[in-house]
Amino acid sequence: MKRLIVLFVITLFLVGCGTTETEDAATTTESKSITVSAAASLTDALQEIEDIFKESNLDIEIDFNFGGSGALREQIKQGAPVDMVVFASQKDFDLLGESEMYIKEQKLLENTLVLVTPKGNDTVTDIDSLVNAKNIAVGTAESVPAGKYAEQSFNSLGLTGKIEDKFIYAEDVRAVLQYVAQDEVDAGVVYKTDALTEDKVEIVDTFLNDVHDKIIYPAGTLTDNESVNAFYKFLTTDEAKDVFEKYGFKVE
């Protein structure tokens, strides 16, 4: 009888240990997965950086959510679970910071605004000749930083009243790029980094920095755990900087 009692106690102990280990494993697995909301213009660079990062961090899964910075900000404000953000707009970053506390934050990158046309389409040859365009793709200014920078530029250059009826609005800067690449518009306004990823478009002009706000990419963490901190820190390594520069970003 005593032997049966001892065996019963041992069995309970082992089952308890197994449950604890299972729960610990689940907790560890959960903490190894992180969600990053990032500007659409960072798609190629961040995916390549992720591949390099995972070479030495095989157990960390990164789920990217790419889109317009304004739209991403609204998603987070409405409760979307996000561990880290990298926006293409200091304004959107600061607005999110009013409702969400950043644990860590930094100015990560800078970019340049350019005018692109479909290759072989000579309707638009520079910014001034946009008046000759039938249609022009731009990001929606309220949610797409590139669209806001385009709006500022056209206002500064006195072009808005002459061309605004030609605008075709897109949900993010990559959608603008696709309009141009597919020859559905005569021109579009995107970042230099986006233009360099598409061989079906060509850069015909560059917007000077004094006609729009400085294009800054801030990064910030919204949760504090080892996985998030590891990827956040990796973005400032020489390996990551080399990738950003390859895609045309100016690294801080």
C-alpha atoms as a PDB file:
ATOM      1  CA  MET A   1       0.000   0.000   0.000  1.00  0.00           C
ATOM      2  CA  LYS A   2       2.815   2.375   0.928  1.00  0.00           C
ATOM      3  CA  ARG A   3       4.481   1.534  -2.371  1.00  0.00           C
ATOM      4  CA  LEU A   4       1.309   2.480  -4.287  1.00  0.00           C
ATOM      5  CA  ILE A   5       1.095   5.812  -2.447  1.00  0.00           C
ATOM      6  CA  VAL A   6       4.743   6.598  -3.234  1.00  0.00           C
ATOM      7  CA  LEU A   7       4.229   5.769  -6.927  1.00  0.00           C
ATOM      8  CA  PHE A   8       1.101   7.965  -7.006  1.00  0.00           C
ATOM      9  CA  VAL A   9       2.992  10.926  -5.504  1.00  0.00           C
ATOM     10  CA  ILE A  10       5.881  10.490  -7.935  1.00  0.00           C
ATOM     11  CA  THR A  11       3.448  10.358 -10.857  1.00  0.00           C
ATOM     12  CA  LEU A  12       1.760  13.588  -9.753  1.00  0.00           C
ATOM     13  CA  PHE A  13       5.169  15.255  -9.417  1.00  0.00           C
ATOM     14  CA  LEU A  14       6.259  14.218 -12.909  1.00  0.00           C
ATOM     15  CA  VAL A  15       2.970  15.328 -14.470  1.00  0.00           C
ATOM     16  CA  GLY A  16       3.286  18.677 -12.703  1.00  0.00           C
ATOM     17  CA  CYS A  17       6.830  19.145 -13.972  1.00  0.00           C
ATOM     18  CA  GLY A  18       5.771  18.263 -17.492  1.00  0.00           C
ATOM     19  CA  THR A  19       2.961  20.823 -17.414  1.00  0.00           C
ATOM     20  CA  THR A  20       5.296  23.538 -16.144  1.00  0.00           C
ATOM     21  CA  GLU A  21       7.863  22.767 -18.813  1.00  0.00           C
ATOM     22  CA  THR A  22       5.167  22.865 -21.490  1.00  0.00           C
ATOM     23  CA  GLU A  23       3.894  26.226 -20.257  1.00  0.00           C
ATOM     24  CA  ASP A  24       7.432  27.608 -20.068  1.00  0.00           C
ATOM     25  CA  ALA A  25       8.112  26.416 -23.597  1.00  0.00           C
ATOM     26  CA  ALA A  26       4.928  28.074 -24.852  1.00  0.00           C
ATOM     27  CA  THR A  27       5.868  31.332 -23.127  1.00  0.00           C
ATOM     28  CA  THR A  28       9.369  31.221 -24.597  1.00  0.00           C
ATOM     29  CA  THR A  29       8.029  30.496 -28.080  1.00  0.00           C
ATOM     30  CA  GLU A  30       5.557  33.381 -27.832  1.00  0.00           C
ATOM     31  CA  SER A  31       8.247  35.846 -26.770  1.00  0.00           C
ATOM     32  CA  LYS A  32      10.422  34.800 -29.727  1.00  0.00           C
ATOM     33  CA  SER A  33       7.846  36.034 -32.251  1.00  0.00           C
ATOM     34  CA  ILE A  34       7.715  39.784 -32.895  1.00  0.00           C
ATOM     35  CA  THR A  35       5.531  42.040 -35.039  1.00  0.00           C
ATOM     36  CA  VAL A  36       7.030  45.030 -36.839  1.00  0.00           C
ATOM     37  CA  SER A  37       4.887  47.666 -38.567  1.00  0.00           C
ATOM     38  CA  ALA A  38       7.009  49.416 -41.176  1.00  0.00           C
ATOM     39  CA  ALA A  39       6.655  51.877 -44.035  1.00  0.00           C
ATOM     40  CA  ALA A  40       6.018  50.200 -47.396  1.00  0.00           C
ATOM     41  CA  SER A  41       9.190  51.779 -48.792  1.00  0.00           C
ATOM     42  CA  LEU A  42      11.212  49.591 -46.414  1.00  0.00           C
ATOM     43  CA  THR A  43       9.831  46.288 -47.727  1.00  0.00           C
ATOM     44  CA  ASP A  44      12.844  45.045 -49.690  1.00  0.00           C
ATOM     45  CA  ALA A  45      15.493  46.335 -47.300  1.00  0.00           C
ATOM     46  CA  LEU A  46      13.889  44.958 -44.129  1.00  0.00           C
ATOM     47  CA  GLN A  47      13.174  41.562 -45.661  1.00  0.00           C
ATOM     48  CA  GLU A  48      16.816  41.249 -46.679  1.00  0.00           C
ATOM     49  CA  ILE A  49      17.959  42.408 -43.245  1.00  0.00           C
ATOM     50  CA  GLU A  50      15.646  39.828 -41.673  1.00  0.00           C
ATOM     51  CA  ASP A  51      17.395  37.055 -43.624  1.00  0.00           C
ATOM     52  CA  ILE A  52      20.790  38.180 -42.336  1.00  0.00           C
ATOM     53  CA  PHE A  53      19.483  38.599 -38.782  1.00  0.00           C
ATOM     54  CA  LYS A  54      18.024  35.089 -38.716  1.00  0.00           C
ATOM     55  CA  GLU A  55      21.375  33.532 -39.603  1.00  0.00           C
ATOM     56  CA  SER A  56      22.357  34.041 -35.963  1.00  0.00           C
ATOM     57  CA  ASN A  57      18.827  34.208 -34.493  1.00  0.00           C
ATOM     58  CA  LEU A  58      17.061  31.162 -35.911  1.00  0.00           C
ATOM     59  CA  ASP A  59      14.527  31.029 -33.090  1.00  0.00           C
ATOM     60  CA  ILE A  60      13.169  34.570 -33.595  1.00  0.00           C
ATOM     61  CA  GLU A  61      10.233  34.927 -35.987  1.00  0.00           C
ATOM     62  CA  ILE A  62       9.532  38.375 -37.432  1.00  0.00           C
ATOM     63  CA  ASP A  63       6.088  39.225 -38.780  1.00  0.00           C
ATOM     64  CA  PHE A  64       6.215  42.394 -40.902  1.00  0.00           C
ATOM     65  CA  ASN A  65       3.189  44.562 -41.551  1.00  0.00           C
ATOM     66  CA  PHE A  66       4.057  46.975 -44.376  1.00  0.00           C
ATOM     67  CA  GLY A  67       1.918  49.945 -45.386  1.00  0.00           C
ATOM     68  CA  GLY A  68       1.504  53.700 -45.267  1.00  0.00           C
ATOM     69  CA  SER A  69       2.806  55.107 -41.979  1.00  0.00           C
ATOM     70  CA  GLY A  70      -0.432  56.962 -41.263  1.00  0.00           C
ATOM     71  CA  ALA A  71      -2.524  53.839 -41.808  1.00  0.00           C
ATOM     72  CA  LEU A  72      -0.186  51.775 -39.626  1.00  0.00           C
ATOM     73  CA  ARG A  73      -0.402  54.391 -36.893  1.00  0.00           C
ATOM     74  CA  GLU A  74      -4.194  54.198 -36.920  1.00  0.00           C
ATOM     75  CA  GLN A  75      -4.106  50.390 -36.759  1.00  0.00           C
ATOM     76  CA  ILE A  76      -1.956  50.529 -33.632  1.00  0.00           C
ATOM     77  CA  LYS A  77      -4.126  53.196 -32.013  1.00  0.00           C
ATOM     78  CA  GLN A  78      -7.119  50.922 -32.598  1.00  0.00           C
ATOM     79  CA  GLY A  79      -5.424  48.059 -30.770  1.00  0.00           C
ATOM     80  CA  ALA A  80      -3.344  46.155 -33.321  1.00  0.00           C
ATOM     81  CA  PRO A  81      -0.622  44.249 -31.390  1.00  0.00           C
ATOM     82  CA  VAL A  82       2.741  45.607 -32.552  1.00  0.00           C
ATOM     83  CA  ASP A  83       6.167  45.339 -30.931  1.00  0.00           C
ATOM     84  CA  MET A  84       8.115  47.803 -33.050  1.00  0.00           C
ATOM     85  CA  VAL A  85       7.562  50.483 -35.694  1.00  0.00           C
ATOM     86  CA  VAL A  86       9.697  52.034 -38.425  1.00  0.00           C
ATOM     87  CA  PHE A  87       7.830  54.897 -40.090  1.00  0.00           C
ATOM     88  CA  ALA A  88       8.631  57.145 -43.047  1.00  0.00           C
ATOM     89  CA  SER A  89       7.273  60.156 -41.198  1.00  0.00           C
ATOM     90  CA  GLN A  90       8.433  61.860 -38.018  1.00  0.00           C
ATOM     91  CA  LYS A  91       4.959  63.375 -37.676  1.00  0.00           C
ATOM     92  CA  ASP A  92       3.205  59.988 -37.640  1.00  0.00           C
ATOM     93  CA  PHE A  93       5.830  58.666 -35.240  1.00  0.00           C
ATOM     94  CA  ASP A  94       5.268  61.582 -32.858  1.00  0.00           C
ATOM     95  CA  LEU A  95       1.471  61.298 -33.108  1.00  0.00           C
ATOM     96  CA  LEU A  96       1.647  57.619 -32.174  1.00  0.00           C
ATOM     97  CA  GLY A  97       3.920  58.554 -29.282  1.00  0.00           C
ATOM     98  CA  GLU A  98       1.123  60.670 -27.820  1.00  0.00           C
ATOM     99  CA  SER A  99      -0.944  57.542 -27.139  1.00  0.00           C
ATOM    100  CA  GLU A 100       1.733  54.829 -27.022  1.00  0.00           C
ATOM    101  CA  MET A 101       4.913  55.059 -24.958  1.00  0.00           C
ATOM    102  CA  TYR A 102       8.103  54.215 -26.829  1.00  0.00           C
ATOM    103  CA  ILE A 103      10.531  52.164 -24.775  1.00  0.00           C
ATOM    104  CA  LYS A 104      13.368  52.903 -27.184  1.00  0.00           C
ATOM    105  CA  GLU A 105      13.445  55.267 -30.155  1.00  0.00           C
ATOM    106  CA  GLN A 106      15.941  56.539 -32.700  1.00  0.00           C
ATOM    107  CA  LYS A 107      16.241  58.393 -35.984  1.00  0.00           C
ATOM    108  CA  LEU A 108      17.259  55.588 -38.323  1.00  0.00           C
ATOM    109  CA  LEU A 109      17.285  56.726 -41.967  1.00  0.00           C
ATOM    110  CA  GLU A 110      16.642  59.491 -44.497  1.00  0.00           C
ATOM    111  CA  ASN A 111      15.270  59.346 -48.037  1.00  0.00           C
ATOM    112  CA  THR A 112      14.795  61.455 -51.177  1.00  0.00           C
ATOM    113  CA  LEU A 113      11.582  62.230 -53.088  1.00  0.00           C
ATOM    114  CA  VAL A 114      11.712  61.726 -56.861  1.00  0.00           C
ATOM    115  CA  LEU A 115       9.510  61.955 -59.930  1.00  0.00           C
ATOM    116  CA  VAL A 116       9.323  58.766 -61.998  1.00  0.00           C
ATOM    117  CA  THR A 117       7.813  57.901 -65.369  1.00  0.00           C
ATOM    118  CA  PRO A 118       7.290  54.645 -67.268  1.00  0.00           C
ATOM    119  CA  LYS A 119      10.337  53.840 -69.370  1.00  0.00           C
ATOM    120  CA  GLY A 120       9.802  55.069 -72.895  1.00  0.00           C
ATOM    121  CA  ASN A 121       7.054  57.522 -71.927  1.00  0.00           C
ATOM    122  CA  ASP A 122       8.290  61.010 -72.860  1.00  0.00           C
ATOM    123  CA  THR A 123       5.167  62.939 -71.835  1.00  0.00           C
ATOM    124  CA  VAL A 124       6.830  64.083 -68.607  1.00  0.00           C
ATOM    125  CA  THR A 125      10.533  64.923 -68.576  1.00  0.00           C
ATOM    126  CA  ASP A 126      10.804  66.936 -65.353  1.00  0.00           C
ATOM    127  CA  ILE A 127       8.675  68.403 -62.556  1.00  0.00           C
ATOM    128  CA  ASP A 128       7.604  71.469 -64.552  1.00  0.00           C
ATOM    129  CA  SER A 129       6.313  69.314 -67.419  1.00  0.00           C
ATOM    130  CA  LEU A 130       3.817  67.561 -65.123  1.00  0.00           C
ATOM    131  CA  VAL A 131       1.277  69.997 -66.582  1.00  0.00           C
ATOM    132  CA  ASN A 132       1.465  67.878 -69.761  1.00  0.00           C
ATOM    133  CA  ALA A 133       0.545  64.652 -67.966  1.00  0.00           C
ATOM    134  CA  LYS A 134      -2.855  63.034 -68.393  1.00  0.00           C
ATOM    135  CA  ASN A 135      -2.639  61.460 -64.936  1.00  0.00           C
ATOM    136  CA  ILE A 136      -0.197  61.403 -62.016  1.00  0.00           C
ATOM    137  CA  ALA A 137      -0.017  58.778 -59.254  1.00  0.00           C
ATOM    138  CA  VAL A 138       0.536  60.017 -55.701  1.00  0.00           C
ATOM    139  CA  GLY A 139       0.006  58.584 -52.251  1.00  0.00           C
ATOM    140  CA  THR A 140      -3.022  59.679 -50.249  1.00  0.00           C
ATOM    141  CA  ALA A 141      -1.638  62.577 -48.204  1.00  0.00           C
ATOM    142  CA  GLU A 142      -3.637  61.742 -45.068  1.00  0.00           C
ATOM    143  CA  SER A 143      -2.123  58.280 -44.646  1.00  0.00           C
ATOM    144  CA  VAL A 144       0.921  58.051 -46.941  1.00  0.00           C
ATOM    145  CA  PRO A 145       3.965  60.174 -46.028  1.00  0.00           C
ATOM    146  CA  ALA A 146       5.229  60.173 -49.630  1.00  0.00           C
ATOM    147  CA  GLY A 147       1.861  61.609 -50.633  1.00  0.00           C
ATOM    148  CA  LYS A 148       2.146  64.289 -47.957  1.00  0.00           C
ATOM    149  CA  TYR A 149       5.661  65.194 -49.119  1.00  0.00           C
ATOM    150  CA  ALA A 150       4.372  65.367 -52.712  1.00  0.00           C
ATOM    151  CA  GLU A 151       1.533  67.659 -51.623  1.00  0.00           C
ATOM    152  CA  GLN A 152       3.977  69.947 -49.801  1.00  0.00           C
ATOM    153  CA  SER A 153       6.271  70.010 -52.831  1.00  0.00           C
ATOM    154  CA  PHE A 154       3.545  70.911 -55.320  1.00  0.00           C
ATOM    155  CA  ASN A 155       2.247  73.629 -53.004  1.00  0.00           C
ATOM    156  CA  SER A 156       5.747  75.077 -52.590  1.00  0.00           C
ATOM    157  CA  LEU A 157       6.337  75.020 -56.348  1.00  0.00           C
ATOM    158  CA  GLY A 158       2.960  76.558 -57.169  1.00  0.00           C
ATOM    159  CA  LEU A 159       1.860  73.529 -59.181  1.00  0.00           C
ATOM    160  CA  THR A 160      -1.068  72.209 -57.154  1.00  0.00           C
ATOM    161  CA  GLY A 161      -3.798  74.220 -58.886  1.00  0.00           C
ATOM    162  CA  LYS A 162      -2.429  73.242 -62.296  1.00  0.00           C
ATOM    163  CA  ILE A 163      -2.208  69.480 -61.793  1.00  0.00           C
ATOM    164  CA  GLU A 164      -4.363  68.320 -58.854  1.00  0.00           C
ATOM    165  CA  ASP A 165      -7.212  67.230 -61.144  1.00  0.00           C
ATOM    166  CA  LYS A 166      -4.776  64.726 -62.683  1.00  0.00           C
ATOM    167  CA  PHE A 167      -4.008  62.919 -59.411  1.00  0.00           C
ATOM    168  CA  ILE A 168      -4.705  59.217 -58.974  1.00  0.00           C
ATOM    169  CA  TYR A 169      -4.397  58.353 -55.294  1.00  0.00           C
ATOM    170  CA  ALA A 170      -2.764  55.169 -53.998  1.00  0.00           C
ATOM    171  CA  GLU A 171      -2.827  53.447 -50.596  1.00  0.00           C
ATOM    172  CA  ASP A 172       0.971  53.448 -50.220  1.00  0.00           C
ATOM    173  CA  VAL A 173       4.129  54.371 -52.088  1.00  0.00           C
ATOM    174  CA  ARG A 174       4.551  50.880 -53.555  1.00  0.00           C
ATOM    175  CA  ALA A 175       1.101  51.143 -55.118  1.00  0.00           C
ATOM    176  CA  VAL A 176       2.196  54.425 -56.728  1.00  0.00           C
ATOM    177  CA  LEU A 177       5.269  52.664 -58.107  1.00  0.00           C
ATOM    178  CA  GLN A 178       3.123  49.905 -59.626  1.00  0.00           C
ATOM    179  CA  TYR A 179       0.868  52.411 -61.374  1.00  0.00           C
ATOM    180  CA  VAL A 180       3.953  53.829 -63.076  1.00  0.00           C
ATOM    181  CA  ALA A 181       5.644  50.480 -63.771  1.00  0.00           C
ATOM    182  CA  GLN A 182       2.471  49.179 -65.452  1.00  0.00           C
ATOM    183  CA  ASP A 183       2.274  52.338 -67.600  1.00  0.00           C
ATOM    184  CA  GLU A 184      -1.151  53.217 -66.191  1.00  0.00           C
ATOM    185  CA  VAL A 185      -0.097  56.819 -65.499  1.00  0.00           C
ATOM    186  CA  ASP A 186       2.302  59.293 -67.076  1.00  0.00           C
ATOM    187  CA  ALA A 187       4.187  59.934 -63.840  1.00  0.00           C
ATOM    188  CA  GLY A 188       4.302  59.248 -60.120  1.00  0.00           C
ATOM    189  CA  VAL A 189       5.959  60.570 -56.980  1.00  0.00           C
ATOM    190  CA  VAL A 190       7.890  58.016 -54.930  1.00  0.00           C
ATOM    191  CA  TYR A 191      11.016  57.716 -52.840  1.00  0.00           C
ATOM    192  CA  LYS A 192      14.324  57.234 -54.591  1.00  0.00           C
ATOM    193  CA  THR A 193      14.686  53.890 -52.812  1.00  0.00           C
ATOM    194  CA  ASP A 194      11.446  52.609 -54.372  1.00  0.00           C
ATOM    195  CA  ALA A 195      12.381  53.779 -57.846  1.00  0.00           C
ATOM    196  CA  LEU A 196      15.672  51.881 -57.667  1.00  0.00           C
ATOM    197  CA  THR A 197      13.829  48.576 -57.130  1.00  0.00           C
ATOM    198  CA  GLU A 198      11.825  48.766 -60.369  1.00  0.00           C
ATOM    199  CA  ASP A 199      13.520  48.570 -63.783  1.00  0.00           C
ATOM    200  CA  LYS A 200      10.339  49.532 -65.650  1.00  0.00           C
ATOM    201  CA  VAL A 201      10.475  53.117 -64.382  1.00  0.00           C
ATOM    202  CA  GLU A 202      13.020  55.888 -64.637  1.00  0.00           C
ATOM    203  CA  ILE A 203      13.789  58.849 -62.414  1.00  0.00           C
ATOM    204  CA  VAL A 204      13.322  62.055 -64.403  1.00  0.00           C
ATOM    205  CA  ASP A 205      13.626  64.631 -61.616  1.00  0.00           C
ATOM    206  CA  THR A 206      14.331  65.038 -57.902  1.00  0.00           C
ATOM    207  CA  PHE A 207      12.450  67.229 -55.429  1.00  0.00           C
ATOM    208  CA  LEU A 208      14.822  69.452 -53.473  1.00  0.00           C
ATOM    209  CA  ASN A 209      14.622  69.119 -49.694  1.00  0.00           C
ATOM    210  CA  ASP A 210      13.574  72.749 -49.251  1.00  0.00           C
ATOM    211  CA  VAL A 211      10.143  72.185 -50.850  1.00  0.00           C
ATOM    212  CA  HIS A 212       8.985  69.550 -48.352  1.00  0.00           C
ATOM    213  CA  ASP A 213       9.629  68.360 -44.805  1.00  0.00           C
ATOM    214  CA  LYS A 214      12.807  66.396 -44.269  1.00  0.00           C
ATOM    215  CA  ILE A 215      12.145  62.708 -44.982  1.00  0.00           C
ATOM    216  CA  ILE A 216      13.129  60.942 -41.774  1.00  0.00           C
ATOM    217  CA  TYR A 217      12.564  57.305 -40.814  1.00  0.00           C
ATOM    218  CA  PRO A 218      12.274  56.978 -37.024  1.00  0.00           C
ATOM    219  CA  ALA A 219      12.173  53.589 -35.292  1.00  0.00           C
ATOM    220  CA  GLY A 220      10.750  52.752 -31.891  1.00  0.00           C
ATOM    221  CA  THR A 221       9.898  49.758 -29.713  1.00  0.00           C
ATOM    222  CA  LEU A 222       6.515  49.420 -28.019  1.00  0.00           C
ATOM    223  CA  THR A 223       7.256  46.273 -26.007  1.00  0.00           C
ATOM    224  CA  ASP A 224      10.294  45.287 -23.988  1.00  0.00           C
ATOM    225  CA  ASN A 225      11.667  41.788 -24.501  1.00  0.00           C
ATOM    226  CA  GLU A 226      14.921  40.238 -25.685  1.00  0.00           C
ATOM    227  CA  SER A 227      13.706  39.389 -29.187  1.00  0.00           C
ATOM    228  CA  VAL A 228      12.426  42.890 -29.925  1.00  0.00           C
ATOM    229  CA  ASN A 229      15.530  44.508 -28.486  1.00  0.00           C
ATOM    230  CA  ALA A 230      17.792  42.181 -30.477  1.00  0.00           C
ATOM    231  CA  PHE A 231      16.215  43.105 -33.830  1.00  0.00           C
ATOM    232  CA  TYR A 232      16.001  46.796 -32.923  1.00  0.00           C
ATOM    233  CA  LYS A 233      19.708  46.817 -32.100  1.00  0.00           C
ATOM    234  CA  PHE A 234      20.560  44.844 -35.251  1.00  0.00           C
ATOM    235  CA  LEU A 235      19.132  47.631 -37.426  1.00  0.00           C
ATOM    236  CA  THR A 236      22.080  49.819 -36.407  1.00  0.00           C
ATOM    237  CA  THR A 237      24.800  47.264 -37.176  1.00  0.00           C
ATOM    238  CA  ASP A 238      27.160  47.650 -40.123  1.00  0.00           C
ATOM    239  CA  GLU A 239      25.486  44.659 -41.796  1.00  0.00           C
ATOM    240  CA  ALA A 240      22.083  46.349 -41.698  1.00  0.00           C
ATOM    241  CA  LYS A 241      23.502  49.731 -42.716  1.00  0.00           C
ATOM    242  CA  ASP A 242      25.097  48.153 -45.798  1.00  0.00           C
ATOM    243  CA  VAL A 243      21.695  46.833 -46.876  1.00  0.00           C
ATOM    244  CA  PHE A 244      19.951  50.161 -46.294  1.00  0.00           C
ATOM    245  CA  GLU A 245      22.609  51.985 -48.310  1.00  0.00           C
ATOM    246  CA  LYS A 246      22.360  49.411 -51.105  1.00  0.00           C
ATOM    247  CA  TYR A 247      18.698  50.326 -51.488  1.00  0.00           C
ATOM    248  CA  GLY A 248      19.480  54.046 -51.567  1.00  0.00           C
ATOM    249  CA  PHE A 249      18.725  55.107 -47.998  1.00  0.00           C
ATOM    250  CA  LYS A 250      20.911  57.612 -46.203  1.00  0.00           C
ATOM    251  CA  VAL A 251      22.004  56.035 -42.926  1.00  0.00           C
ATOM    252  CA  GLU A 252      22.352  58.105 -39.774  1.00  0.00           C
END
